[in-house]
Amino acid sequence: MAGFYHWEGEMLHLFVRVQPKASKDEFADIQEDRIRIRITAPPVDGKANQHLLKFLAKIFGVTKSNVQIKAGETGRNKHLCINAPTNLPVGIIRNE
């Protein structure tokens, strides 16, 4: 199991380090049990968080309301919960 995520039933817990103001939205490398995610939005007035939620909802095939920031709302290191994802990016495997 990779250290940057774990499953709790249908809930995927994802541990990320966000890099705002990037040139494009993308998953990057894994650093210290977190996956780095680059997003184009600036870290101003919650824009980066909203953009991150929208980006992850699209990647995981869920609605934006199914993606929540559980911890780290104001920092770069975040703990996110994704409820019942239908698409899984390379590197994330569902526990059966």
C-alpha atoms as a PDB file:
ATOM      1  CA  MET A   1       0.000   0.000   0.000  1.00  0.00           C
ATOM      2  CA  ALA A   2       1.234   3.476  -0.828  1.00  0.00           C
ATOM      3  CA  GLY A   3       1.552   5.867   2.097  1.00  0.00           C
ATOM      4  CA  PHE A   4      -0.275   8.777   0.451  1.00  0.00           C
ATOM      5  CA  TYR A   5      -3.720   7.132   0.594  1.00  0.00           C
ATOM      6  CA  HIS A   6      -5.814   4.539   2.395  1.00  0.00           C
ATOM      7  CA  TRP A   7      -9.349   3.190   2.154  1.00  0.00           C
ATOM      8  CA  GLU A   8     -12.024   3.179   4.832  1.00  0.00           C
ATOM      9  CA  GLY A   9     -14.893   1.272   3.247  1.00  0.00           C
ATOM     10  CA  GLU A  10     -15.930   3.289   0.173  1.00  0.00           C
ATOM     11  CA  MET A  11     -14.099   6.390   1.431  1.00  0.00           C
ATOM     12  CA  LEU A  12     -10.664   7.151  -0.034  1.00  0.00           C
ATOM     13  CA  HIS A  13      -8.405   9.166   2.271  1.00  0.00           C
ATOM     14  CA  LEU A  14      -5.818  11.059   0.244  1.00  0.00           C
ATOM     15  CA  PHE A  15      -2.829  12.896   1.729  1.00  0.00           C
ATOM     16  CA  VAL A  16      -1.537  15.638  -0.554  1.00  0.00           C
ATOM     17  CA  ARG A  17       0.830  18.582  -0.764  1.00  0.00           C
ATOM     18  CA  VAL A  18      -0.652  21.298  -2.948  1.00  0.00           C
ATOM     19  CA  GLN A  19       1.442  23.515  -5.220  1.00  0.00           C
ATOM     20  CA  PRO A  20      -0.707  26.506  -6.243  1.00  0.00           C
ATOM     21  CA  LYS A  21      -0.063  28.835  -9.207  1.00  0.00           C
ATOM     22  CA  ALA A  22       1.341  26.014 -11.344  1.00  0.00           C
ATOM     23  CA  SER A  23       1.310  26.058 -15.138  1.00  0.00           C
ATOM     24  CA  LYS A  24      -1.283  23.241 -15.283  1.00  0.00           C
ATOM     25  CA  ASP A  25      -3.386  20.988 -13.069  1.00  0.00           C
ATOM     26  CA  GLU A  26      -1.706  17.623 -12.530  1.00  0.00           C
ATOM     27  CA  PHE A  27      -0.536  14.949 -10.126  1.00  0.00           C
ATOM     28  CA  ALA A  28       3.221  15.167  -9.549  1.00  0.00           C
ATOM     29  CA  ASP A  29       5.637  13.118  -7.478  1.00  0.00           C
ATOM     30  CA  ILE A  30       5.247  11.425  -4.106  1.00  0.00           C
ATOM     31  CA  GLN A  31       7.147  13.066  -1.251  1.00  0.00           C
ATOM     32  CA  GLU A  32       7.206  11.860   2.356  1.00  0.00           C
ATOM     33  CA  ASP A  33       3.916   9.911   2.238  1.00  0.00           C
ATOM     34  CA  ARG A  34       2.080  12.675   0.345  1.00  0.00           C
ATOM     35  CA  ILE A  35       1.366  13.061  -3.326  1.00  0.00           C
ATOM     36  CA  ARG A  36       2.074  16.495  -4.732  1.00  0.00           C
ATOM     37  CA  ILE A  37      -0.729  18.043  -6.778  1.00  0.00           C
ATOM     38  CA  ARG A  38      -0.080  21.097  -8.899  1.00  0.00           C
ATOM     39  CA  ILE A  39      -3.014  23.434  -9.536  1.00  0.00           C
ATOM     40  CA  THR A  40      -3.272  26.650 -11.509  1.00  0.00           C
ATOM     41  CA  ALA A  41      -5.328  28.626  -8.966  1.00  0.00           C
ATOM     42  CA  PRO A  42      -3.648  31.109  -6.610  1.00  0.00           C
ATOM     43  CA  PRO A  43      -3.813  30.579  -2.820  1.00  0.00           C
ATOM     44  CA  VAL A  44      -6.070  33.601  -2.305  1.00  0.00           C
ATOM     45  CA  ASP A  45      -9.542  33.716  -0.709  1.00  0.00           C
ATOM     46  CA  GLY A  46      -9.976  29.926  -0.843  1.00  0.00           C
ATOM     47  CA  LYS A  47      -9.621  29.816  -4.637  1.00  0.00           C
ATOM     48  CA  ALA A  48      -6.929  27.131  -4.518  1.00  0.00           C
ATOM     49  CA  ASN A  49      -9.045  24.892  -2.274  1.00  0.00           C
ATOM     50  CA  GLN A  50     -12.121  25.249  -4.472  1.00  0.00           C
ATOM     51  CA  HIS A  51     -10.064  24.578  -7.585  1.00  0.00           C
ATOM     52  CA  LEU A  52      -8.459  21.537  -5.942  1.00  0.00           C
ATOM     53  CA  LEU A  53     -11.869  20.074  -5.030  1.00  0.00           C
ATOM     54  CA  LYS A  54     -13.144  20.612  -8.571  1.00  0.00           C
ATOM     55  CA  PHE A  55      -9.999  19.061 -10.098  1.00  0.00           C
ATOM     56  CA  LEU A  56     -10.145  15.985  -7.844  1.00  0.00           C
ATOM     57  CA  ALA A  57     -13.887  15.520  -8.426  1.00  0.00           C
ATOM     58  CA  LYS A  58     -13.240  15.422 -12.164  1.00  0.00           C
ATOM     59  CA  ILE A  59     -10.272  13.019 -11.863  1.00  0.00           C
ATOM     60  CA  PHE A  60     -12.082  10.614  -9.512  1.00  0.00           C
ATOM     61  CA  GLY A  61     -15.438  10.780 -11.347  1.00  0.00           C
ATOM     62  CA  VAL A  62     -17.516  12.145  -8.468  1.00  0.00           C
ATOM     63  CA  THR A  63     -19.435  15.318  -7.735  1.00  0.00           C
ATOM     64  CA  LYS A  64     -17.610  18.149  -5.981  1.00  0.00           C
ATOM     65  CA  SER A  65     -19.724  17.528  -2.862  1.00  0.00           C
ATOM     66  CA  ASN A  66     -18.140  14.049  -2.578  1.00  0.00           C
ATOM     67  CA  VAL A  67     -14.667  15.575  -2.091  1.00  0.00           C
ATOM     68  CA  GLN A  68     -13.940  17.139   1.289  1.00  0.00           C
ATOM     69  CA  ILE A  69     -10.940  18.688   2.980  1.00  0.00           C
ATOM     70  CA  LYS A  70     -10.738  16.888   6.312  1.00  0.00           C
ATOM     71  CA  ALA A  71      -7.596  18.661   7.553  1.00  0.00           C
ATOM     72  CA  GLY A  72      -5.234  21.358   6.291  1.00  0.00           C
ATOM     73  CA  GLU A  73      -7.696  23.882   4.920  1.00  0.00           C
ATOM     74  CA  THR A  74      -5.235  26.777   5.263  1.00  0.00           C
ATOM     75  CA  GLY A  75      -1.965  24.925   4.603  1.00  0.00           C
ATOM     76  CA  ARG A  76      -0.340  23.153   1.692  1.00  0.00           C
ATOM     77  CA  ASN A  77      -0.492  19.723   3.356  1.00  0.00           C
ATOM     78  CA  LYS A  78      -4.035  18.417   3.235  1.00  0.00           C
ATOM     79  CA  HIS A  79      -6.013  15.328   4.184  1.00  0.00           C
ATOM     80  CA  LEU A  80      -8.829  14.853   1.680  1.00  0.00           C
ATOM     81  CA  CYS A  81     -11.720  12.397   1.690  1.00  0.00           C
ATOM     82  CA  ILE A  82     -13.291  11.217  -1.560  1.00  0.00           C
ATOM     83  CA  ASN A  83     -16.553   9.331  -1.182  1.00  0.00           C
ATOM     84  CA  ALA A  84     -17.063   6.357  -3.534  1.00  0.00           C
ATOM     85  CA  PRO A  85     -14.702   7.337  -6.388  1.00  0.00           C
ATOM     86  CA  THR A  86     -15.578   5.742  -9.731  1.00  0.00           C
ATOM     87  CA  ASN A  87     -12.251   6.477 -11.484  1.00  0.00           C
ATOM     88  CA  LEU A  88      -8.880   5.748  -9.905  1.00  0.00           C
ATOM     89  CA  PRO A  89      -5.674   7.367 -11.214  1.00  0.00           C
ATOM     90  CA  VAL A  90      -2.603   5.211 -11.790  1.00  0.00           C
ATOM     91  CA  GLY A  91      -1.002   4.325  -8.475  1.00  0.00           C
ATOM     92  CA  ILE A  92      -4.202   4.147  -6.435  1.00  0.00           C
ATOM     93  CA  ILE A  93      -5.655   0.673  -5.931  1.00  0.00           C
ATOM     94  CA  ARG A  94      -8.973  -0.131  -4.274  1.00  0.00           C
ATOM     95  CA  ASN A  95      -8.740  -2.514  -1.333  1.00  0.00           C
ATOM     96  CA  GLU A  96     -11.025  -5.455  -1.934  1.00  0.00           C
END
